[in-house]
Amino acid sequence: MFRKPGFMILTVLCTLVLSACASTPNVAVDYDQEYRFPQFKTYAFTSKEDGDASTLYEQRLERAIENEMLSRAVQKVDADEADILISYLVVGKEKIDIQTYYSAFPYHHGFFYRPHFYHGYGYGYGHGYPDIRVREYTEGTLVIDVINRAEDKVIWHAVTKERLRSTETPEERDAFVIERVRLMLEQFPPI
């Protein structure tokens, strides 16, 4: 089957535009502009309360952060020997999305009657029935803080929020966490 070159170009352009519109989570980053970031060579995670077991999600987060730090040649050590401490917080919040759509009736001629919505004669649009859609979803927030251990103050902060999708397998959950941590830490340390 022969296709015109214009059709092929249009198809490629539409594909690129749709790919560009794919949602990526927004990441907000803040940092202490007076801190000299290249100084550090070691890190540790802030300690948990005694008796608190790590969840599977927290274990995924720590592995993803460890991989990102390793790629920067920053070694994990005990907390009392670390240059910086890394703290993270995960929060899930149930939310409701309500959207209302109105369907318009087409042009009509003559007597037109819809109970409770429209009663008229002649040309024009009728009033549509409302279509209300209610969706419940979970908004996840991930916060990562980097703390200067010697001064006990936050020197770098990142936060991302997004609507969470359900994932079916542990591999998909791993990939989800790895990608979010990568997006957050790609701006660390600031240049």
N, C-alpha and C. Protein backbone atom coordinates (compact mmCIF):
# COMPACT_ATOMS: atom_id res chain seq x y z
N MET A 1 0.85 -1.19 0.00
CA MET A 1 0.00 0.00 0.00
C MET A 1 0.89 1.24 0.00
N PHE A 2 0.61 2.16 -0.87
CA PHE A 2 1.39 3.38 -1.01
C PHE A 2 0.83 4.47 -0.11
N ARG A 3 1.73 5.11 0.67
CA ARG A 3 1.32 6.21 1.53
C ARG A 3 2.09 7.44 1.15
N LYS A 4 1.45 8.56 1.22
CA LYS A 4 2.09 9.82 0.87
C LYS A 4 3.11 10.19 1.94
N PRO A 5 4.23 10.84 1.54
CA PRO A 5 5.25 11.24 2.53
C PRO A 5 4.69 12.15 3.61
N GLY A 6 3.74 13.00 3.26
CA GLY A 6 3.14 13.91 4.24
C GLY A 6 2.45 13.15 5.36
N PHE A 7 1.82 12.04 5.02
CA PHE A 7 1.13 11.21 6.01
C PHE A 7 2.14 10.63 7.00
N MET A 8 3.27 10.16 6.49
CA MET A 8 4.31 9.58 7.35
C MET A 8 4.88 10.63 8.31
N ILE A 9 5.15 11.82 7.78
CA ILE A 9 5.69 12.90 8.61
C ILE A 9 4.69 13.28 9.69
N LEU A 10 3.42 13.38 9.31
CA LEU A 10 2.37 13.72 10.27
C LEU A 10 2.28 12.67 11.37
N THR A 11 2.39 11.40 11.00
CA THR A 11 2.33 10.32 11.99
C THR A 11 3.48 10.42 12.97
N VAL A 12 4.69 10.66 12.47
CA VAL A 12 5.86 10.78 13.34
C VAL A 12 5.72 11.98 14.26
N LEU A 13 5.27 13.12 13.74
CA LEU A 13 5.09 14.32 14.56
C LEU A 13 4.06 14.09 15.66
N CYS A 14 2.95 13.45 15.32
CA CYS A 14 1.92 13.17 16.33
C CYS A 14 2.47 12.27 17.42
N THR A 15 3.27 11.26 17.03
CA THR A 15 3.86 10.36 18.01
C THR A 15 4.79 11.12 18.95
N LEU A 16 5.62 12.03 18.40
CA LEU A 16 6.53 12.80 19.23
C LEU A 16 5.78 13.72 20.18
N VAL A 17 4.72 14.36 19.69
CA VAL A 17 3.93 15.25 20.55
C VAL A 17 3.29 14.47 21.69
N LEU A 18 2.72 13.31 21.36
CA LEU A 18 2.09 12.50 22.41
C LEU A 18 3.13 12.01 23.41
N SER A 19 4.32 11.66 22.95
CA SER A 19 5.38 11.23 23.86
C SER A 19 5.79 12.37 24.78
N ALA A 20 5.86 13.59 24.24
CA ALA A 20 6.24 14.75 25.04
C ALA A 20 5.19 15.07 26.08
N CYS A 21 3.94 14.71 25.80
CA CYS A 21 2.85 15.01 26.74
C CYS A 21 2.74 13.98 27.85
N ALA A 22 3.49 12.89 27.76
CA ALA A 22 3.44 11.87 28.81
C ALA A 22 3.83 12.52 30.13
N SER A 23 3.08 12.18 31.16
CA SER A 23 3.29 12.89 32.42
C SER A 23 4.54 12.40 33.12
N THR A 24 5.36 13.34 33.54
CA THR A 24 6.50 13.03 34.39
C THR A 24 6.27 13.78 35.69
N PRO A 25 6.65 13.19 36.78
CA PRO A 25 6.39 13.85 38.05
C PRO A 25 7.19 15.14 38.19
N ASN A 26 6.59 16.13 38.82
CA ASN A 26 7.28 17.38 39.10
C ASN A 26 8.13 17.19 40.35
N VAL A 27 9.35 17.68 40.28
CA VAL A 27 10.26 17.60 41.42
C VAL A 27 10.64 19.02 41.81
N ALA A 28 10.44 19.35 43.08
CA ALA A 28 10.85 20.65 43.60
C ALA A 28 12.09 20.46 44.45
N VAL A 29 13.13 21.25 44.17
CA VAL A 29 14.41 21.12 44.87
C VAL A 29 14.77 22.46 45.51
N ASP A 30 15.31 22.39 46.72
CA ASP A 30 15.81 23.58 47.41
C ASP A 30 17.12 23.18 48.09
N TYR A 31 18.02 24.15 48.25
CA TYR A 31 19.31 23.83 48.89
C TYR A 31 19.93 25.06 49.52
N ASP A 32 20.88 24.79 50.41
CA ASP A 32 21.64 25.84 51.08
C ASP A 32 22.73 26.32 50.12
N GLN A 33 22.63 27.56 49.68
CA GLN A 33 23.56 28.09 48.68
C GLN A 33 24.96 28.35 49.25
N GLU A 34 25.09 28.39 50.56
CA GLU A 34 26.39 28.66 51.17
C GLU A 34 27.20 27.38 51.44
N TYR A 35 26.56 26.23 51.34
CA TYR A 35 27.25 24.97 51.62
C TYR A 35 28.08 24.56 50.40
N ARG A 36 29.32 24.10 50.64
CA ARG A 36 30.20 23.64 49.57
C ARG A 36 29.95 22.14 49.37
N PHE A 37 29.11 21.80 48.41
CA PHE A 37 28.68 20.41 48.21
C PHE A 37 29.79 19.44 47.83
N PRO A 38 30.79 19.81 47.06
CA PRO A 38 31.79 18.80 46.68
C PRO A 38 32.61 18.24 47.84
N GLN A 39 32.46 18.74 49.05
CA GLN A 39 33.25 18.29 50.20
C GLN A 39 33.00 16.84 50.61
N PHE A 40 31.80 16.37 50.49
CA PHE A 40 31.46 15.10 51.12
C PHE A 40 31.87 13.89 50.28
N LYS A 41 32.21 12.81 51.01
CA LYS A 41 32.59 11.54 50.38
C LYS A 41 31.81 10.36 50.96
N THR A 42 31.15 10.58 52.11
CA THR A 42 30.44 9.49 52.78
C THR A 42 29.06 9.93 53.22
N TYR A 43 28.16 8.96 53.35
CA TYR A 43 26.79 9.24 53.80
C TYR A 43 26.28 8.07 54.63
N ALA A 44 25.18 8.34 55.31
CA ALA A 44 24.45 7.29 56.04
C ALA A 44 22.99 7.72 56.08
N PHE A 45 22.10 6.76 56.26
CA PHE A 45 20.69 7.08 56.44
C PHE A 45 20.46 7.46 57.89
N THR A 46 19.51 8.36 58.13
CA THR A 46 19.18 8.71 59.50
C THR A 46 18.60 7.46 60.16
N SER A 47 18.81 7.33 61.45
CA SER A 47 18.38 6.12 62.14
C SER A 47 16.88 6.13 62.37
N LYS A 48 16.32 4.93 62.36
CA LYS A 48 14.89 4.75 62.66
C LYS A 48 14.72 4.58 64.17
N GLU A 49 13.50 4.75 64.61
CA GLU A 49 13.19 4.49 66.01
C GLU A 49 13.39 3.01 66.30
N ASP A 50 13.81 2.68 67.49
CA ASP A 50 14.00 1.28 67.87
C ASP A 50 12.69 0.52 67.71
N GLY A 51 12.80 -0.66 67.12
CA GLY A 51 11.62 -1.50 66.96
C GLY A 51 10.88 -1.25 65.65
N ASP A 52 11.21 -0.18 64.90
CA ASP A 52 10.56 0.08 63.61
C ASP A 52 11.21 -0.76 62.53
N ALA A 53 10.44 -1.62 61.92
CA ALA A 53 10.95 -2.43 60.82
C ALA A 53 10.76 -1.67 59.51
N SER A 54 11.69 -1.86 58.60
CA SER A 54 11.58 -1.23 57.29
C SER A 54 10.50 -1.93 56.47
N THR A 55 9.67 -1.14 55.80
CA THR A 55 8.68 -1.71 54.90
C THR A 55 9.37 -2.06 53.59
N LEU A 56 8.69 -2.82 52.75
CA LEU A 56 9.26 -3.15 51.45
C LEU A 56 9.50 -1.89 50.63
N TYR A 57 8.60 -0.92 50.73
CA TYR A 57 8.76 0.33 49.99
C TYR A 57 10.00 1.08 50.47
N GLU A 58 10.20 1.11 51.78
CA GLU A 58 11.39 1.79 52.33
C GLU A 58 12.67 1.08 51.90
N GLN A 59 12.64 -0.24 51.84
CA GLN A 59 13.81 -0.98 51.38
C GLN A 59 14.12 -0.66 49.93
N ARG A 60 13.07 -0.54 49.10
CA ARG A 60 13.27 -0.15 47.70
C ARG A 60 13.87 1.24 47.61
N LEU A 61 13.36 2.15 48.42
CA LEU A 61 13.86 3.52 48.42
C LEU A 61 15.34 3.56 48.80
N GLU A 62 15.71 2.86 49.83
CA GLU A 62 17.10 2.87 50.27
C GLU A 62 18.02 2.27 49.22
N ARG A 63 17.59 1.19 48.56
CA ARG A 63 18.41 0.60 47.50
C ARG A 63 18.59 1.59 46.34
N ALA A 64 17.52 2.27 45.98
CA ALA A 64 17.59 3.23 44.87
C ALA A 64 18.50 4.41 45.23
N ILE A 65 18.40 4.90 46.46
CA ILE A 65 19.26 6.00 46.91
C ILE A 65 20.72 5.54 46.96
N GLU A 66 20.95 4.31 47.47
CA GLU A 66 22.31 3.77 47.53
C GLU A 66 22.94 3.71 46.13
N ASN A 67 22.16 3.27 45.14
CA ASN A 67 22.68 3.19 43.77
C ASN A 67 23.02 4.58 43.22
N GLU A 68 22.17 5.56 43.53
CA GLU A 68 22.45 6.93 43.06
C GLU A 68 23.69 7.50 43.73
N MET A 69 23.85 7.25 45.02
CA MET A 69 25.04 7.75 45.73
C MET A 69 26.30 7.05 45.23
N LEU A 70 26.21 5.74 44.97
CA LEU A 70 27.34 5.00 44.46
C LEU A 70 27.79 5.55 43.10
N SER A 71 26.83 5.95 42.27
CA SER A 71 27.17 6.52 40.96
C SER A 71 27.90 7.86 41.09
N ARG A 72 27.82 8.49 42.26
CA ARG A 72 28.52 9.75 42.52
C ARG A 72 29.80 9.51 43.35
N ALA A 73 30.16 8.26 43.55
CA ALA A 73 31.34 7.88 44.33
C ALA A 73 31.24 8.33 45.78
N VAL A 74 30.02 8.32 46.32
CA VAL A 74 29.80 8.64 47.73
C VAL A 74 29.51 7.31 48.43
N GLN A 75 30.32 6.97 49.42
CA GLN A 75 30.26 5.67 50.08
C GLN A 75 29.35 5.69 51.30
N LYS A 76 28.65 4.58 51.50
CA LYS A 76 27.81 4.43 52.69
C LYS A 76 28.67 3.95 53.86
N VAL A 77 28.53 4.64 55.00
CA VAL A 77 29.29 4.30 56.21
C VAL A 77 28.35 4.37 57.40
N ASP A 78 28.86 4.13 58.60
CA ASP A 78 28.07 4.28 59.82
C ASP A 78 27.72 5.76 60.01
N ALA A 79 26.62 6.00 60.67
CA ALA A 79 26.11 7.37 60.84
C ALA A 79 27.09 8.28 61.56
N ASP A 80 27.83 7.76 62.52
CA ASP A 80 28.75 8.63 63.27
C ASP A 80 30.02 8.97 62.50
N GLU A 81 30.23 8.34 61.32
CA GLU A 81 31.39 8.64 60.48
C GLU A 81 31.02 9.38 59.20
N ALA A 82 29.74 9.55 58.93
CA ALA A 82 29.28 10.10 57.65
C ALA A 82 29.44 11.61 57.57
N ASP A 83 29.73 12.10 56.35
CA ASP A 83 29.75 13.54 56.10
C ASP A 83 28.32 14.09 56.07
N ILE A 84 27.43 13.33 55.41
CA ILE A 84 26.03 13.74 55.30
C ILE A 84 25.11 12.60 55.72
N LEU A 85 23.94 12.97 56.17
CA LEU A 85 22.89 12.01 56.49
C LEU A 85 21.76 12.20 55.49
N ILE A 86 21.14 11.10 55.10
CA ILE A 86 20.01 11.16 54.17
C ILE A 86 18.77 10.69 54.90
N SER A 87 17.75 11.54 54.84
CA SER A 87 16.47 11.24 55.46
C SER A 87 15.41 11.24 54.36
N TYR A 88 14.42 10.38 54.48
CA TYR A 88 13.33 10.37 53.51
C TYR A 88 12.01 10.16 54.23
N LEU A 89 10.96 10.60 53.58
CA LEU A 89 9.61 10.48 54.12
C LEU A 89 8.68 10.14 52.98
N VAL A 90 7.80 9.17 53.21
CA VAL A 90 6.81 8.77 52.22
C VAL A 90 5.44 8.96 52.85
N VAL A 91 4.57 9.68 52.14
CA VAL A 91 3.22 9.92 52.64
C VAL A 91 2.22 9.63 51.52
N GLY A 92 1.18 8.89 51.83
CA GLY A 92 0.09 8.65 50.89
C GLY A 92 -1.17 9.31 51.41
N LYS A 93 -1.87 10.00 50.52
CA LYS A 93 -3.09 10.70 50.93
C LYS A 93 -4.21 10.34 49.95
N GLU A 94 -5.33 9.90 50.51
CA GLU A 94 -6.47 9.57 49.67
C GLU A 94 -7.15 10.85 49.21
N LYS A 95 -7.46 10.93 47.91
CA LYS A 95 -8.09 12.13 47.36
C LYS A 95 -9.25 11.73 46.47
N ILE A 96 -10.09 12.71 46.18
CA ILE A 96 -11.24 12.48 45.31
C ILE A 96 -11.19 13.49 44.18
N ASP A 97 -11.36 13.01 42.94
CA ASP A 97 -11.40 13.86 41.76
C ASP A 97 -12.83 13.84 41.23
N ILE A 98 -13.48 14.99 41.18
CA ILE A 98 -14.85 15.09 40.69
C ILE A 98 -14.85 15.91 39.42
N GLN A 99 -15.37 15.34 38.34
CA GLN A 99 -15.46 16.03 37.07
C GLN A 99 -16.89 15.97 36.58
N THR A 100 -17.36 17.11 36.06
CA THR A 100 -18.72 17.18 35.54
C THR A 100 -18.65 17.51 34.06
N TYR A 101 -19.34 16.71 33.26
CA TYR A 101 -19.42 16.92 31.82
C TYR A 101 -20.88 17.15 31.46
N TYR A 102 -21.11 17.99 30.47
CA TYR A 102 -22.47 18.21 29.97
C TYR A 102 -22.49 17.82 28.50
N SER A 103 -23.44 16.96 28.17
CA SER A 103 -23.58 16.57 26.77
C SER A 103 -24.63 17.47 26.14
N ALA A 104 -24.29 18.08 25.02
CA ALA A 104 -25.22 18.98 24.34
C ALA A 104 -26.01 18.19 23.31
N PHE A 105 -27.28 18.48 23.21
CA PHE A 105 -28.10 17.84 22.19
C PHE A 105 -27.85 18.56 20.87
N PRO A 106 -27.98 17.91 19.75
CA PRO A 106 -27.71 18.54 18.46
C PRO A 106 -28.80 19.55 18.09
N TYR A 107 -28.51 20.29 17.01
CA TYR A 107 -29.52 21.22 16.51
C TYR A 107 -30.83 20.49 16.27
N HIS A 108 -31.89 21.21 16.44
CA HIS A 108 -33.20 20.60 16.22
C HIS A 108 -34.12 21.65 15.62
N HIS A 109 -35.16 21.21 15.00
CA HIS A 109 -36.16 22.11 14.45
C HIS A 109 -37.52 21.60 14.90
N GLY A 110 -38.30 22.51 15.40
CA GLY A 110 -39.62 22.12 15.85
C GLY A 110 -39.66 21.97 17.36
N PHE A 111 -40.71 21.37 17.85
CA PHE A 111 -40.92 21.24 19.28
C PHE A 111 -39.92 20.23 19.86
N PHE A 112 -39.25 20.60 20.93
CA PHE A 112 -38.26 19.75 21.56
C PHE A 112 -38.49 19.78 23.05
N TYR A 113 -38.57 18.64 23.68
CA TYR A 113 -38.87 18.64 25.11
C TYR A 113 -38.00 17.61 25.82
N ARG A 114 -37.31 18.05 26.83
CA ARG A 114 -36.60 17.17 27.76
C ARG A 114 -37.06 17.57 29.16
N PRO A 115 -37.65 16.66 29.89
CA PRO A 115 -38.16 17.02 31.22
C PRO A 115 -37.07 17.61 32.10
N HIS A 116 -37.38 18.69 32.76
CA HIS A 116 -36.53 19.37 33.74
C HIS A 116 -35.31 20.07 33.15
N PHE A 117 -35.01 19.88 31.86
CA PHE A 117 -33.79 20.48 31.32
C PHE A 117 -34.07 21.51 30.23
N TYR A 118 -34.99 21.23 29.30
CA TYR A 118 -35.16 22.15 28.19
C TYR A 118 -36.57 22.01 27.64
N HIS A 119 -37.14 23.12 27.30
CA HIS A 119 -38.44 23.12 26.66
C HIS A 119 -38.43 24.32 25.71
N GLY A 120 -38.40 24.05 24.43
CA GLY A 120 -38.32 25.19 23.52
C GLY A 120 -38.78 24.83 22.13
N TYR A 121 -38.74 25.84 21.25
CA TYR A 121 -39.19 25.67 19.88
C TYR A 121 -38.23 26.44 18.99
N GLY A 122 -37.80 25.83 17.89
CA GLY A 122 -36.94 26.54 16.95
C GLY A 122 -35.55 25.93 16.92
N TYR A 123 -34.61 26.70 16.35
CA TYR A 123 -33.24 26.22 16.21
C TYR A 123 -32.45 26.50 17.49
N GLY A 124 -31.46 25.68 17.75
CA GLY A 124 -30.58 25.93 18.90
C GLY A 124 -30.13 24.65 19.55
N TYR A 125 -29.29 24.81 20.53
CA TYR A 125 -28.81 23.66 21.29
C TYR A 125 -29.72 23.43 22.48
N GLY A 126 -29.94 22.17 22.80
CA GLY A 126 -30.64 21.84 24.03
C GLY A 126 -29.65 21.80 25.17
N HIS A 127 -30.14 21.77 26.38
CA HIS A 127 -29.26 21.66 27.53
C HIS A 127 -28.97 20.18 27.76
N GLY A 128 -27.74 19.85 28.08
CA GLY A 128 -27.36 18.46 28.24
C GLY A 128 -27.61 17.94 29.63
N TYR A 129 -27.65 16.63 29.72
CA TYR A 129 -27.73 15.99 31.02
C TYR A 129 -26.33 15.99 31.63
N PRO A 130 -26.21 16.29 32.91
CA PRO A 130 -24.86 16.28 33.50
C PRO A 130 -24.37 14.85 33.69
N ASP A 131 -23.11 14.66 33.41
CA ASP A 131 -22.45 13.38 33.64
C ASP A 131 -21.37 13.65 34.67
N ILE A 132 -21.56 13.17 35.88
CA ILE A 132 -20.62 13.42 36.98
C ILE A 132 -19.80 12.16 37.23
N ARG A 133 -18.49 12.34 37.19
CA ARG A 133 -17.59 11.22 37.43
C ARG A 133 -16.79 11.49 38.69
N VAL A 134 -16.83 10.53 39.60
CA VAL A 134 -16.10 10.64 40.86
C VAL A 134 -15.06 9.52 40.88
N ARG A 135 -13.80 9.93 41.05
CA ARG A 135 -12.73 8.94 41.10
C ARG A 135 -11.93 9.15 42.38
N GLU A 136 -11.70 8.05 43.06
CA GLU A 136 -10.84 8.10 44.25
C GLU A 136 -9.45 7.66 43.82
N TYR A 137 -8.44 8.32 44.36
CA TYR A 137 -7.08 7.96 44.04
C TYR A 137 -6.19 8.31 45.22
N THR A 138 -4.96 7.79 45.17
CA THR A 138 -3.98 8.08 46.20
C THR A 138 -2.91 8.99 45.63
N GLU A 139 -2.65 10.10 46.31
CA GLU A 139 -1.56 10.98 45.94
C GLU A 139 -0.39 10.65 46.84
N GLY A 140 0.72 10.29 46.22
CA GLY A 140 1.92 9.95 46.98
C GLY A 140 2.88 11.11 47.01
N THR A 141 3.49 11.34 48.16
CA THR A 141 4.51 12.37 48.32
C THR A 141 5.78 11.71 48.83
N LEU A 142 6.87 12.00 48.16
CA LEU A 142 8.18 11.51 48.59
C LEU A 142 9.07 12.71 48.84
N VAL A 143 9.68 12.74 50.02
CA VAL A 143 10.58 13.82 50.42
C VAL A 143 11.94 13.19 50.72
N ILE A 144 12.99 13.79 50.17
CA ILE A 144 14.35 13.37 50.49
C ILE A 144 15.10 14.60 51.00
N ASP A 145 15.70 14.48 52.19
CA ASP A 145 16.51 15.55 52.76
C ASP A 145 17.95 15.07 52.92
N VAL A 146 18.90 15.96 52.64
CA VAL A 146 20.31 15.69 52.89
C VAL A 146 20.73 16.62 54.02
N ILE A 147 21.33 16.06 55.06
CA ILE A 147 21.66 16.80 56.27
C ILE A 147 23.17 16.83 56.46
N ASN A 148 23.70 18.01 56.74
CA ASN A 148 25.11 18.14 57.11
C ASN A 148 25.21 17.63 58.55
N ARG A 149 25.84 16.48 58.73
CA ARG A 149 25.88 15.84 60.05
C ARG A 149 26.62 16.70 61.07
N ALA A 150 27.71 17.33 60.69
CA ALA A 150 28.51 18.12 61.63
C ALA A 150 27.73 19.30 62.20
N GLU A 151 26.91 19.94 61.36
CA GLU A 151 26.15 21.11 61.80
C GLU A 151 24.70 20.77 62.12
N ASP A 152 24.28 19.53 61.83
CA ASP A 152 22.92 19.07 62.06
C ASP A 152 21.89 20.00 61.42
N LYS A 153 22.10 20.29 60.12
CA LYS A 153 21.13 21.13 59.40
C LYS A 153 20.93 20.60 57.99
N VAL A 154 19.72 20.79 57.48
CA VAL A 154 19.38 20.35 56.13
C VAL A 154 20.09 21.25 55.13
N ILE A 155 20.78 20.62 54.16
CA ILE A 155 21.49 21.39 53.15
C ILE A 155 20.89 21.21 51.75
N TRP A 156 20.04 20.17 51.58
CA TRP A 156 19.41 19.90 50.28
C TRP A 156 18.09 19.21 50.54
N HIS A 157 17.07 19.61 49.76
CA HIS A 157 15.71 19.10 49.99
C HIS A 157 15.04 18.91 48.63
N ALA A 158 14.40 17.76 48.45
CA ALA A 158 13.63 17.51 47.22
C ALA A 158 12.30 16.87 47.59
N VAL A 159 11.27 17.25 46.84
CA VAL A 159 9.94 16.68 47.08
C VAL A 159 9.25 16.46 45.74
N THR A 160 8.53 15.37 45.63
CA THR A 160 7.72 15.10 44.46
C THR A 160 6.38 14.56 44.91
N LYS A 161 5.33 14.96 44.17
CA LYS A 161 3.98 14.48 44.44
C LYS A 161 3.38 14.01 43.12
N GLU A 162 2.63 12.94 43.19
CA GLU A 162 1.92 12.50 41.99
C GLU A 162 0.84 11.50 42.35
N ARG A 163 -0.08 11.36 41.42
CA ARG A 163 -1.13 10.36 41.57
C ARG A 163 -0.51 8.99 41.36
N LEU A 164 -0.71 8.10 42.32
CA LEU A 164 -0.10 6.78 42.23
C LEU A 164 -0.95 5.85 41.38
N ARG A 165 -0.26 5.08 40.56
CA ARG A 165 -0.91 4.06 39.75
C ARG A 165 -0.74 2.72 40.46
N SER A 166 -1.66 1.83 40.21
CA SER A 166 -1.49 0.51 40.80
C SER A 166 -0.46 -0.25 39.97
N THR A 167 0.43 -0.92 40.63
CA THR A 167 1.44 -1.73 39.95
C THR A 167 1.20 -3.18 40.33
N GLU A 168 1.43 -4.04 39.38
CA GLU A 168 1.07 -5.43 39.57
C GLU A 168 2.18 -6.30 40.16
N THR A 169 3.42 -6.03 39.77
CA THR A 169 4.50 -6.94 40.15
C THR A 169 5.56 -6.22 40.97
N PRO A 170 6.35 -6.96 41.73
CA PRO A 170 7.46 -6.34 42.45
C PRO A 170 8.45 -5.65 41.51
N GLU A 171 8.66 -6.19 40.31
CA GLU A 171 9.56 -5.57 39.35
C GLU A 171 9.06 -4.20 38.93
N GLU A 172 7.74 -4.07 38.71
CA GLU A 172 7.16 -2.77 38.35
C GLU A 172 7.29 -1.79 39.51
N ARG A 173 7.13 -2.27 40.73
CA ARG A 173 7.28 -1.40 41.90
C ARG A 173 8.74 -0.93 42.03
N ASP A 174 9.68 -1.85 41.80
CA ASP A 174 11.10 -1.48 41.82
C ASP A 174 11.40 -0.41 40.78
N ALA A 175 10.92 -0.61 39.56
CA ALA A 175 11.17 0.35 38.47
C ALA A 175 10.57 1.70 38.80
N PHE A 176 9.37 1.71 39.39
CA PHE A 176 8.70 2.96 39.77
C PHE A 176 9.55 3.75 40.78
N VAL A 177 10.02 3.07 41.81
CA VAL A 177 10.81 3.74 42.86
C VAL A 177 12.15 4.21 42.30
N ILE A 178 12.82 3.37 41.52
CA ILE A 178 14.12 3.73 40.94
C ILE A 178 14.00 4.98 40.09
N GLU A 179 12.96 5.05 39.27
CA GLU A 179 12.79 6.22 38.39
C GLU A 179 12.51 7.49 39.19
N ARG A 180 11.68 7.41 40.24
CA ARG A 180 11.37 8.60 41.04
C ARG A 180 12.61 9.10 41.77
N VAL A 181 13.37 8.19 42.35
CA VAL A 181 14.58 8.59 43.06
C VAL A 181 15.59 9.18 42.09
N ARG A 182 15.72 8.59 40.90
CA ARG A 182 16.65 9.13 39.90
C ARG A 182 16.28 10.56 39.52
N LEU A 183 14.97 10.80 39.28
CA LEU A 183 14.52 12.15 38.92
C LEU A 183 14.80 13.16 40.04
N MET A 184 14.66 12.72 41.28
CA MET A 184 14.89 13.63 42.39
C MET A 184 16.38 13.92 42.58
N LEU A 185 17.20 12.87 42.52
CA LEU A 185 18.61 13.03 42.83
C LEU A 185 19.46 13.47 41.64
N GLU A 186 18.85 13.58 40.45
CA GLU A 186 19.64 14.05 39.31
C GLU A 186 20.07 15.51 39.50
N GLN A 187 19.42 16.21 40.44
CA GLN A 187 19.78 17.59 40.74
C GLN A 187 20.65 17.69 42.00
N PHE A 188 21.22 16.56 42.40
CA PHE A 188 22.07 16.54 43.59
C PHE A 188 23.45 16.02 43.23
N PRO A 189 24.52 16.62 43.65
CA PRO A 189 24.54 17.94 44.30
C PRO A 189 24.32 19.04 43.28
N PRO A 190 23.82 20.19 43.74
CA PRO A 190 23.64 21.29 42.80
C PRO A 190 24.98 21.80 42.28
N ILE A 191 24.98 22.24 41.06
CA ILE A 191 26.24 22.71 40.44
C ILE A 191 26.43 24.20 40.70
